[in-house]
Amino acid sequence: MDSSRKAAVGLAVVALVIWAVFVMWWAQSAYSAAHHLSATDWQGNHRTKVRLLFSACVIGGLPPLGAALGWVWGPLTAPSRPAALATAWGFLSGTVGLGVCALIEFGIALSRVEFVF
């Protein structure tokens, strides 16, 4: 195995591990939401469902989108580098972008916290 292929496999494995953490976090959130439905607050249940679907689209779509962009853009910018390495870099950057989105969401959630005494 040459060094560029080893690097591509290593980057893809790191990205998959990080991505698996986000998928498990989403699954735990969905499981918790499914077991804490309100019998009377249908609007709250609907908002929770919409947020979970949006999160699923972002979690399931951003890393593969990064991989697809890396696969297309990588050979155009540096034809001497293999496409697998550019795809792995794109996948990793999509996964890191997912982490940035999660941090932004966490910051927004913290800014909306209200303490009522």
N, C-alpha and C. Protein backbone atom coordinates (compact mmCIF):
# COMPACT_ATOMS: atom_id res chain seq x y z
N MET A 1 0.84 -1.18 0.00
CA MET A 1 0.00 0.00 0.00
C MET A 1 0.89 1.24 0.00
N ASP A 2 0.63 2.15 -0.91
CA ASP A 2 1.46 3.35 -0.96
C ASP A 2 0.99 4.35 0.11
N SER A 3 1.79 5.38 0.30
CA SER A 3 1.54 6.31 1.41
C SER A 3 0.27 7.11 1.23
N SER A 4 -0.08 7.47 -0.01
CA SER A 4 -1.31 8.26 -0.20
C SER A 4 -2.55 7.41 0.09
N ARG A 5 -2.49 6.12 -0.23
CA ARG A 5 -3.62 5.25 0.08
C ARG A 5 -3.74 5.02 1.58
N LYS A 6 -2.61 4.88 2.26
CA LYS A 6 -2.64 4.74 3.72
C LYS A 6 -3.21 6.00 4.36
N ALA A 7 -2.82 7.14 3.86
CA ALA A 7 -3.33 8.40 4.40
C ALA A 7 -4.83 8.51 4.17
N ALA A 8 -5.29 8.12 2.98
CA ALA A 8 -6.72 8.19 2.67
C ALA A 8 -7.52 7.26 3.57
N VAL A 9 -7.02 6.05 3.79
CA VAL A 9 -7.72 5.11 4.66
C VAL A 9 -7.72 5.62 6.10
N GLY A 10 -6.60 6.15 6.55
CA GLY A 10 -6.54 6.70 7.91
C GLY A 10 -7.50 7.86 8.11
N LEU A 11 -7.55 8.78 7.15
CA LEU A 11 -8.47 9.91 7.25
C LEU A 11 -9.92 9.44 7.24
N ALA A 12 -10.23 8.46 6.38
CA ALA A 12 -11.60 7.95 6.31
C ALA A 12 -12.00 7.26 7.61
N VAL A 13 -11.08 6.51 8.22
CA VAL A 13 -11.39 5.84 9.49
C VAL A 13 -11.63 6.87 10.60
N VAL A 14 -10.79 7.89 10.67
CA VAL A 14 -10.99 8.94 11.68
C VAL A 14 -12.34 9.63 11.47
N ALA A 15 -12.67 9.95 10.23
CA ALA A 15 -13.94 10.60 9.94
C ALA A 15 -15.11 9.69 10.28
N LEU A 16 -15.01 8.40 10.00
CA LEU A 16 -16.09 7.47 10.33
C LEU A 16 -16.29 7.34 11.83
N VAL A 17 -15.21 7.35 12.59
CA VAL A 17 -15.34 7.26 14.05
C VAL A 17 -16.02 8.51 14.59
N ILE A 18 -15.62 9.67 14.12
CA ILE A 18 -16.25 10.92 14.57
C ILE A 18 -17.72 10.94 14.15
N TRP A 19 -17.99 10.51 12.93
CA TRP A 19 -19.36 10.49 12.42
C TRP A 19 -20.23 9.53 13.24
N ALA A 20 -19.66 8.39 13.64
CA ALA A 20 -20.40 7.42 14.45
C ALA A 20 -20.81 8.02 15.79
N VAL A 21 -19.96 8.88 16.35
CA VAL A 21 -20.31 9.54 17.61
C VAL A 21 -21.54 10.43 17.42
N PHE A 22 -21.59 11.16 16.32
CA PHE A 22 -22.74 12.02 16.05
C PHE A 22 -24.00 11.20 15.78
N VAL A 23 -23.86 10.08 15.09
CA VAL A 23 -25.02 9.23 14.81
C VAL A 23 -25.55 8.63 16.12
N MET A 24 -24.66 8.20 16.99
CA MET A 24 -25.11 7.66 18.29
C MET A 24 -25.76 8.73 19.14
N TRP A 25 -25.23 9.96 19.10
CA TRP A 25 -25.84 11.07 19.84
C TRP A 25 -27.24 11.34 19.32
N TRP A 26 -27.41 11.34 17.99
CA TRP A 26 -28.73 11.56 17.42
C TRP A 26 -29.68 10.43 17.79
N ALA A 27 -29.21 9.19 17.74
CA ALA A 27 -30.07 8.04 18.07
C ALA A 27 -30.52 8.11 19.52
N GLN A 28 -29.62 8.53 20.41
CA GLN A 28 -30.00 8.67 21.82
C GLN A 28 -31.03 9.77 21.99
N SER A 29 -30.88 10.87 21.26
CA SER A 29 -31.85 11.96 21.33
C SER A 29 -33.21 11.51 20.79
N ALA A 30 -33.21 10.78 19.70
CA ALA A 30 -34.47 10.28 19.13
C ALA A 30 -35.14 9.28 20.06
N TYR A 31 -34.36 8.42 20.68
CA TYR A 31 -34.90 7.45 21.63
C TYR A 31 -35.52 8.16 22.82
N SER A 32 -34.82 9.16 23.34
CA SER A 32 -35.33 9.92 24.48
C SER A 32 -36.61 10.67 24.11
N ALA A 33 -36.64 11.27 22.92
CA ALA A 33 -37.83 12.01 22.49
C ALA A 33 -39.01 11.07 22.29
N ALA A 34 -38.76 9.88 21.80
CA ALA A 34 -39.84 8.93 21.57
C ALA A 34 -40.47 8.45 22.87
N HIS A 35 -39.69 8.40 23.93
CA HIS A 35 -40.21 7.92 25.22
C HIS A 35 -40.71 9.04 26.12
N HIS A 36 -40.58 10.27 25.68
CA HIS A 36 -41.06 11.40 26.49
C HIS A 36 -42.04 12.26 25.69
N LEU A 37 -42.93 11.62 24.98
CA LEU A 37 -43.95 12.35 24.24
C LEU A 37 -45.02 12.87 25.20
N SER A 38 -45.55 14.01 24.87
CA SER A 38 -46.61 14.59 25.67
C SER A 38 -47.96 14.13 25.13
N ALA A 39 -48.86 13.81 26.04
CA ALA A 39 -50.19 13.37 25.62
C ALA A 39 -51.06 14.55 25.18
N THR A 40 -50.72 15.76 25.63
CA THR A 40 -51.57 16.92 25.34
C THR A 40 -50.89 17.97 24.45
N ASP A 41 -49.57 18.00 24.42
CA ASP A 41 -48.86 19.06 23.69
C ASP A 41 -48.45 18.54 22.31
N TRP A 42 -49.39 18.53 21.37
CA TRP A 42 -49.09 18.01 20.05
C TRP A 42 -48.15 18.95 19.29
N GLN A 43 -48.20 20.26 19.59
CA GLN A 43 -47.29 21.18 18.91
C GLN A 43 -45.85 20.95 19.34
N GLY A 44 -45.65 20.70 20.63
CA GLY A 44 -44.31 20.38 21.11
C GLY A 44 -43.79 19.08 20.52
N ASN A 45 -44.67 18.08 20.41
CA ASN A 45 -44.27 16.82 19.78
C ASN A 45 -43.89 17.02 18.33
N HIS A 46 -44.65 17.86 17.63
CA HIS A 46 -44.35 18.13 16.22
C HIS A 46 -43.02 18.88 16.08
N ARG A 47 -42.78 19.88 16.93
CA ARG A 47 -41.50 20.61 16.88
C ARG A 47 -40.33 19.67 17.13
N THR A 48 -40.50 18.75 18.08
CA THR A 48 -39.44 17.78 18.36
C THR A 48 -39.19 16.89 17.15
N LYS A 49 -40.26 16.44 16.52
CA LYS A 49 -40.12 15.59 15.33
C LYS A 49 -39.42 16.33 14.20
N VAL A 50 -39.79 17.58 13.98
CA VAL A 50 -39.17 18.37 12.91
C VAL A 50 -37.69 18.58 13.20
N ARG A 51 -37.35 18.88 14.45
CA ARG A 51 -35.93 19.07 14.82
C ARG A 51 -35.13 17.79 14.64
N LEU A 52 -35.72 16.66 15.01
CA LEU A 52 -35.02 15.39 14.84
C LEU A 52 -34.82 15.07 13.36
N LEU A 53 -35.81 15.34 12.54
CA LEU A 53 -35.66 15.10 11.10
C LEU A 53 -34.61 16.02 10.49
N PHE A 54 -34.60 17.28 10.90
CA PHE A 54 -33.59 18.21 10.40
C PHE A 54 -32.19 17.75 10.83
N SER A 55 -32.06 17.35 12.09
CA SER A 55 -30.77 16.87 12.57
C SER A 55 -30.33 15.62 11.81
N ALA A 56 -31.27 14.73 11.52
CA ALA A 56 -30.93 13.52 10.77
C ALA A 56 -30.44 13.87 9.37
N CYS A 57 -31.07 14.86 8.75
CA CYS A 57 -30.63 15.27 7.41
C CYS A 57 -29.23 15.87 7.45
N VAL A 58 -28.96 16.69 8.45
CA VAL A 58 -27.63 17.31 8.56
C VAL A 58 -26.58 16.25 8.89
N ILE A 59 -26.87 15.40 9.88
CA ILE A 59 -25.91 14.37 10.29
C ILE A 59 -25.67 13.37 9.16
N GLY A 60 -26.72 12.99 8.47
CA GLY A 60 -26.58 12.01 7.40
C GLY A 60 -26.09 12.59 6.09
N GLY A 61 -26.19 13.91 5.92
CA GLY A 61 -25.86 14.50 4.63
C GLY A 61 -24.57 15.27 4.54
N LEU A 62 -24.14 15.89 5.63
CA LEU A 62 -22.97 16.77 5.55
C LEU A 62 -21.66 16.02 5.27
N PRO A 63 -21.33 14.95 5.99
CA PRO A 63 -20.09 14.24 5.65
C PRO A 63 -20.07 13.63 4.25
N PRO A 64 -21.15 12.98 3.78
CA PRO A 64 -21.11 12.49 2.40
C PRO A 64 -21.05 13.62 1.37
N LEU A 65 -21.66 14.75 1.68
CA LEU A 65 -21.56 15.91 0.79
C LEU A 65 -20.11 16.38 0.70
N GLY A 66 -19.42 16.42 1.85
CA GLY A 66 -18.00 16.78 1.85
C GLY A 66 -17.18 15.79 1.04
N ALA A 67 -17.50 14.51 1.17
CA ALA A 67 -16.78 13.49 0.40
C ALA A 67 -17.03 13.66 -1.10
N ALA A 68 -18.26 13.94 -1.46
CA ALA A 68 -18.58 14.13 -2.88
C ALA A 68 -17.88 15.37 -3.44
N LEU A 69 -17.88 16.44 -2.66
CA LEU A 69 -17.18 17.65 -3.11
C LEU A 69 -15.68 17.42 -3.21
N GLY A 70 -15.11 16.68 -2.26
CA GLY A 70 -13.69 16.35 -2.34
C GLY A 70 -13.38 15.47 -3.54
N TRP A 71 -14.26 14.55 -3.86
CA TRP A 71 -14.07 13.66 -5.00
C TRP A 71 -14.11 14.44 -6.31
N VAL A 72 -14.98 15.46 -6.38
CA VAL A 72 -15.08 16.25 -7.60
C VAL A 72 -14.01 17.34 -7.65
N TRP A 73 -13.86 18.07 -6.56
CA TRP A 73 -12.99 19.24 -6.54
C TRP A 73 -11.51 18.87 -6.43
N GLY A 74 -11.19 17.79 -5.74
CA GLY A 74 -9.78 17.42 -5.53
C GLY A 74 -9.00 17.21 -6.80
N PRO A 75 -9.46 16.36 -7.72
CA PRO A 75 -8.70 16.18 -8.97
C PRO A 75 -8.65 17.42 -9.85
N LEU A 76 -9.63 18.31 -9.69
CA LEU A 76 -9.59 19.54 -10.49
C LEU A 76 -8.51 20.50 -9.99
N THR A 77 -8.32 20.55 -8.68
CA THR A 77 -7.34 21.49 -8.12
C THR A 77 -5.92 20.93 -8.12
N ALA A 78 -5.78 19.63 -7.89
CA ALA A 78 -4.45 19.02 -7.86
C ALA A 78 -4.52 17.68 -8.59
N PRO A 79 -4.34 17.68 -9.89
CA PRO A 79 -4.47 16.43 -10.66
C PRO A 79 -3.42 15.38 -10.29
N SER A 80 -2.32 15.79 -9.69
CA SER A 80 -1.29 14.81 -9.36
C SER A 80 -1.63 14.00 -8.12
N ARG A 81 -2.52 14.52 -7.26
CA ARG A 81 -2.92 13.78 -6.07
C ARG A 81 -4.04 12.80 -6.41
N PRO A 82 -4.06 11.65 -5.74
CA PRO A 82 -5.11 10.69 -6.03
C PRO A 82 -6.48 11.18 -5.54
N ALA A 83 -7.52 10.75 -6.25
CA ALA A 83 -8.88 11.18 -5.90
C ALA A 83 -9.32 10.61 -4.55
N ALA A 84 -8.80 9.45 -4.18
CA ALA A 84 -9.18 8.85 -2.90
C ALA A 84 -8.74 9.73 -1.73
N LEU A 85 -7.57 10.33 -1.85
CA LEU A 85 -7.09 11.20 -0.78
C LEU A 85 -7.94 12.46 -0.68
N ALA A 86 -8.30 13.04 -1.82
CA ALA A 86 -9.16 14.22 -1.81
C ALA A 86 -10.55 13.88 -1.27
N THR A 87 -11.06 12.70 -1.59
CA THR A 87 -12.36 12.28 -1.08
C THR A 87 -12.31 12.10 0.43
N ALA A 88 -11.24 11.50 0.92
CA ALA A 88 -11.10 11.32 2.37
C ALA A 88 -10.99 12.66 3.08
N TRP A 89 -10.23 13.60 2.50
CA TRP A 89 -10.14 14.93 3.09
C TRP A 89 -11.50 15.62 3.10
N GLY A 90 -12.26 15.46 2.02
CA GLY A 90 -13.60 16.03 1.96
C GLY A 90 -14.53 15.42 2.99
N PHE A 91 -14.43 14.10 3.17
CA PHE A 91 -15.25 13.42 4.17
C PHE A 91 -14.90 13.90 5.58
N LEU A 92 -13.60 14.03 5.85
CA LEU A 92 -13.18 14.52 7.16
C LEU A 92 -13.59 15.97 7.37
N SER A 93 -13.48 16.78 6.35
CA SER A 93 -13.90 18.18 6.51
C SER A 93 -15.41 18.29 6.69
N GLY A 94 -16.19 17.44 6.04
CA GLY A 94 -17.63 17.41 6.27
C GLY A 94 -17.97 16.99 7.68
N THR A 95 -17.21 16.05 8.22
CA THR A 95 -17.43 15.60 9.59
C THR A 95 -17.04 16.69 10.59
N VAL A 96 -15.93 17.38 10.32
CA VAL A 96 -15.54 18.50 11.19
C VAL A 96 -16.56 19.63 11.09
N GLY A 97 -17.09 19.86 9.89
CA GLY A 97 -18.15 20.85 9.72
C GLY A 97 -19.39 20.47 10.51
N LEU A 98 -19.66 19.18 10.62
CA LEU A 98 -20.76 18.70 11.45
C LEU A 98 -20.52 19.03 12.92
N GLY A 99 -19.27 18.88 13.36
CA GLY A 99 -18.93 19.26 14.73
C GLY A 99 -19.09 20.75 14.98
N VAL A 100 -18.72 21.56 13.99
CA VAL A 100 -18.90 23.02 14.11
C VAL A 100 -20.38 23.35 14.20
N CYS A 101 -21.20 22.70 13.39
CA CYS A 101 -22.65 22.92 13.45
C CYS A 101 -23.20 22.54 14.83
N ALA A 102 -22.70 21.45 15.38
CA ALA A 102 -23.15 21.02 16.71
C ALA A 102 -22.75 22.04 17.78
N LEU A 103 -21.54 22.59 17.68
CA LEU A 103 -21.13 23.61 18.64
C LEU A 103 -21.97 24.88 18.51
N ILE A 104 -22.29 25.26 17.30
CA ILE A 104 -23.14 26.44 17.11
C ILE A 104 -24.53 26.19 17.67
N GLU A 105 -25.07 25.00 17.43
CA GLU A 105 -26.38 24.66 17.98
C GLU A 105 -26.36 24.66 19.50
N PHE A 106 -25.29 24.15 20.08
CA PHE A 106 -25.15 24.14 21.54
C PHE A 106 -25.08 25.57 22.08
N GLY A 107 -24.34 26.43 21.40
CA GLY A 107 -24.27 27.83 21.83
C GLY A 107 -25.60 28.54 21.74
N ILE A 108 -26.36 28.27 20.68
CA ILE A 108 -27.69 28.87 20.55
C ILE A 108 -28.60 28.36 21.66
N ALA A 109 -28.54 27.07 21.95
CA ALA A 109 -29.36 26.51 23.02
C ALA A 109 -29.00 27.13 24.37
N LEU A 110 -27.71 27.33 24.62
CA LEU A 110 -27.30 27.97 25.88
C LEU A 110 -27.74 29.42 25.96
N SER A 111 -27.78 30.11 24.84
CA SER A 111 -28.19 31.52 24.88
C SER A 111 -29.68 31.68 25.14
N ARG A 112 -30.46 30.63 24.91
CA ARG A 112 -31.91 30.70 25.11
C ARG A 112 -32.35 30.17 26.48
N VAL A 113 -31.42 29.79 27.32
CA VAL A 113 -31.77 29.27 28.64
C VAL A 113 -32.28 30.42 29.50
N GLU A 114 -33.40 30.16 30.15
CA GLU A 114 -33.97 31.16 31.06
C GLU A 114 -34.14 30.53 32.43
N PHE A 115 -33.72 31.26 33.45
CA PHE A 115 -33.90 30.82 34.81
C PHE A 115 -35.02 31.64 35.44
N VAL A 116 -36.03 30.96 35.90
CA VAL A 116 -37.18 31.64 36.51
C VAL A 116 -37.23 31.25 37.98
N PHE A 117 -37.21 32.26 38.83
CA PHE A 117 -37.26 31.99 40.27
C PHE A 117 -38.59 32.43 40.83
